[in-house]
N, C-alpha and C. Protein backbone atom coordinates (compact mmCIF):
# COMPACT_ATOMS: atom_id res chain seq x y z
N MET A 1 -6.00 -1.07 23.74
CA MET A 1 -4.85 -0.94 22.87
C MET A 1 -3.93 0.11 23.45
N PRO A 2 -2.66 -0.22 23.59
CA PRO A 2 -1.73 0.75 24.18
C PRO A 2 -1.45 1.91 23.23
N HIS A 3 -1.21 3.04 23.80
CA HIS A 3 -0.90 4.24 23.04
C HIS A 3 0.57 4.22 22.62
N LEU A 4 0.83 4.44 21.33
CA LEU A 4 2.19 4.51 20.84
C LEU A 4 2.59 5.97 20.68
N GLY A 5 3.59 6.37 21.39
CA GLY A 5 4.08 7.74 21.30
C GLY A 5 5.15 7.87 20.23
N PRO A 6 5.66 9.06 20.05
CA PRO A 6 6.67 9.28 19.01
C PRO A 6 7.96 8.48 19.25
N THR A 7 8.34 8.31 20.49
CA THR A 7 9.56 7.55 20.79
C THR A 7 9.40 6.09 20.37
N GLU A 8 8.27 5.49 20.67
CA GLU A 8 8.03 4.10 20.28
C GLU A 8 7.98 3.95 18.77
N LEU A 9 7.37 4.90 18.08
CA LEU A 9 7.29 4.84 16.62
C LEU A 9 8.67 4.95 15.99
N ILE A 10 9.53 5.79 16.53
CA ILE A 10 10.89 5.93 16.02
C ILE A 10 11.67 4.63 16.22
N ILE A 11 11.52 4.01 17.37
CA ILE A 11 12.20 2.74 17.64
C ILE A 11 11.72 1.67 16.67
N ILE A 12 10.43 1.60 16.42
CA ILE A 12 9.89 0.63 15.47
C ILE A 12 10.43 0.89 14.07
N LEU A 13 10.49 2.15 13.66
CA LEU A 13 11.01 2.51 12.34
C LEU A 13 12.47 2.11 12.20
N VAL A 14 13.28 2.33 13.22
CA VAL A 14 14.69 1.95 13.18
C VAL A 14 14.84 0.44 13.06
N ILE A 15 14.04 -0.31 13.79
CA ILE A 15 14.10 -1.77 13.72
C ILE A 15 13.73 -2.26 12.32
N VAL A 16 12.70 -1.68 11.74
CA VAL A 16 12.28 -2.07 10.39
C VAL A 16 13.37 -1.74 9.37
N LEU A 17 14.00 -0.58 9.51
CA LEU A 17 15.08 -0.20 8.60
C LEU A 17 16.26 -1.17 8.71
N VAL A 18 16.58 -1.58 9.92
CA VAL A 18 17.70 -2.51 10.12
C VAL A 18 17.36 -3.88 9.52
N LEU A 19 16.14 -4.32 9.70
CA LEU A 19 15.76 -5.64 9.20
C LEU A 19 15.67 -5.69 7.67
N PHE A 20 15.05 -4.70 7.05
CA PHE A 20 14.78 -4.77 5.62
C PHE A 20 15.71 -3.92 4.77
N GLY A 21 16.22 -2.85 5.27
CA GLY A 21 17.06 -1.96 4.47
C GLY A 21 16.21 -0.93 3.74
N VAL A 22 16.84 0.19 3.40
CA VAL A 22 16.11 1.30 2.78
C VAL A 22 15.60 0.93 1.38
N GLY A 23 16.44 0.27 0.59
CA GLY A 23 16.05 -0.07 -0.78
C GLY A 23 14.86 -1.01 -0.84
N ARG A 24 14.87 -1.98 0.03
CA ARG A 24 13.78 -2.96 0.02
C ARG A 24 12.47 -2.34 0.50
N ILE A 25 12.54 -1.43 1.47
CA ILE A 25 11.33 -0.77 1.95
C ILE A 25 10.72 0.09 0.84
N GLY A 26 11.55 0.78 0.08
CA GLY A 26 11.05 1.57 -1.05
C GLY A 26 10.38 0.70 -2.10
N LYS A 27 10.96 -0.45 -2.35
CA LYS A 27 10.39 -1.39 -3.32
C LYS A 27 9.03 -1.91 -2.84
N ILE A 28 8.96 -2.26 -1.58
CA ILE A 28 7.70 -2.76 -1.01
C ILE A 28 6.63 -1.67 -1.05
N ALA A 29 7.00 -0.44 -0.72
CA ALA A 29 6.04 0.67 -0.74
C ALA A 29 5.54 0.92 -2.17
N GLY A 30 6.43 0.83 -3.15
CA GLY A 30 6.03 1.02 -4.54
C GLY A 30 5.06 -0.06 -5.00
N GLU A 31 5.33 -1.30 -4.63
CA GLU A 31 4.44 -2.40 -5.00
C GLU A 31 3.09 -2.27 -4.31
N LEU A 32 3.10 -1.83 -3.08
CA LEU A 32 1.85 -1.62 -2.35
C LEU A 32 1.03 -0.52 -3.01
N GLY A 33 1.68 0.56 -3.41
CA GLY A 33 0.98 1.66 -4.08
C GLY A 33 0.39 1.22 -5.41
N SER A 34 1.14 0.45 -6.19
CA SER A 34 0.61 0.00 -7.48
C SER A 34 -0.53 -1.00 -7.28
N GLY A 35 -0.47 -1.79 -6.23
CA GLY A 35 -1.57 -2.71 -5.93
C GLY A 35 -2.84 -1.97 -5.56
N ILE A 36 -2.71 -0.93 -4.75
CA ILE A 36 -3.87 -0.13 -4.37
C ILE A 36 -4.45 0.59 -5.59
N ARG A 37 -3.58 1.09 -6.45
CA ARG A 37 -4.03 1.77 -7.67
C ARG A 37 -4.80 0.80 -8.57
N ALA A 38 -4.30 -0.42 -8.73
CA ALA A 38 -4.98 -1.42 -9.55
C ALA A 38 -6.32 -1.80 -8.94
N PHE A 39 -6.38 -1.89 -7.63
CA PHE A 39 -7.63 -2.21 -6.94
C PHE A 39 -8.67 -1.12 -7.19
N ARG A 40 -8.26 0.13 -7.08
CA ARG A 40 -9.19 1.25 -7.31
C ARG A 40 -9.67 1.27 -8.76
N GLU A 41 -8.76 1.01 -9.70
CA GLU A 41 -9.16 0.97 -11.12
C GLU A 41 -10.15 -0.17 -11.36
N GLY A 42 -9.94 -1.28 -10.70
CA GLY A 42 -10.87 -2.40 -10.83
C GLY A 42 -12.24 -2.06 -10.29
N LEU A 43 -12.29 -1.36 -9.18
CA LEU A 43 -13.57 -0.96 -8.62
C LEU A 43 -14.28 0.04 -9.52
N SER A 44 -13.55 0.99 -10.07
CA SER A 44 -14.19 2.00 -10.91
C SER A 44 -14.63 1.41 -12.24
N SER A 45 -13.93 0.41 -12.75
CA SER A 45 -14.33 -0.19 -14.02
C SER A 45 -15.58 -1.05 -13.85
N GLU A 46 -15.81 -1.61 -12.65
CA GLU A 46 -17.02 -2.38 -12.41
C GLU A 46 -18.25 -1.48 -12.34
N GLU A 47 -18.07 -0.26 -11.87
CA GLU A 47 -19.19 0.65 -11.71
C GLU A 47 -19.69 1.16 -13.06
N LYS A 48 -18.80 1.30 -14.03
CA LYS A 48 -19.18 1.81 -15.34
C LYS A 48 -19.72 0.66 -16.20
N PRO A 49 -20.88 0.86 -16.85
CA PRO A 49 -21.38 -0.20 -17.73
C PRO A 49 -20.52 -0.29 -18.98
N LYS A 50 -20.34 -1.48 -19.47
CA LYS A 50 -19.52 -1.69 -20.66
C LYS A 50 -20.36 -1.39 -21.89
N GLU A 51 -19.82 -0.61 -22.82
CA GLU A 51 -20.57 -0.17 -23.98
C GLU A 51 -20.64 -1.24 -25.06
N ASN A 52 -19.61 -2.05 -25.19
CA ASN A 52 -19.55 -3.05 -26.24
C ASN A 52 -20.15 -4.38 -25.84
N GLU A 53 -20.76 -4.46 -24.71
CA GLU A 53 -21.29 -5.70 -24.20
C GLU A 53 -22.61 -6.02 -24.89
N GLU A 54 -22.71 -7.25 -25.47
CA GLU A 54 -23.94 -7.66 -26.15
C GLU A 54 -24.86 -8.35 -25.17
N GLU A 55 -26.15 -8.11 -25.31
CA GLU A 55 -27.11 -8.73 -24.38
C GLU A 55 -27.79 -9.89 -25.01
């Protein structure tokens, strides 16, 4: 795997900004964060036994 230096990362960031725009990138990042948060909550709720569950 090739090493990406700071110059290459800046070029990639500029290309992404030109393609998607600042507003859209913020929206995508927010949706990604809420998706990760929901995933973590789902994992933690599976680990806890449900108290109202009838056997």
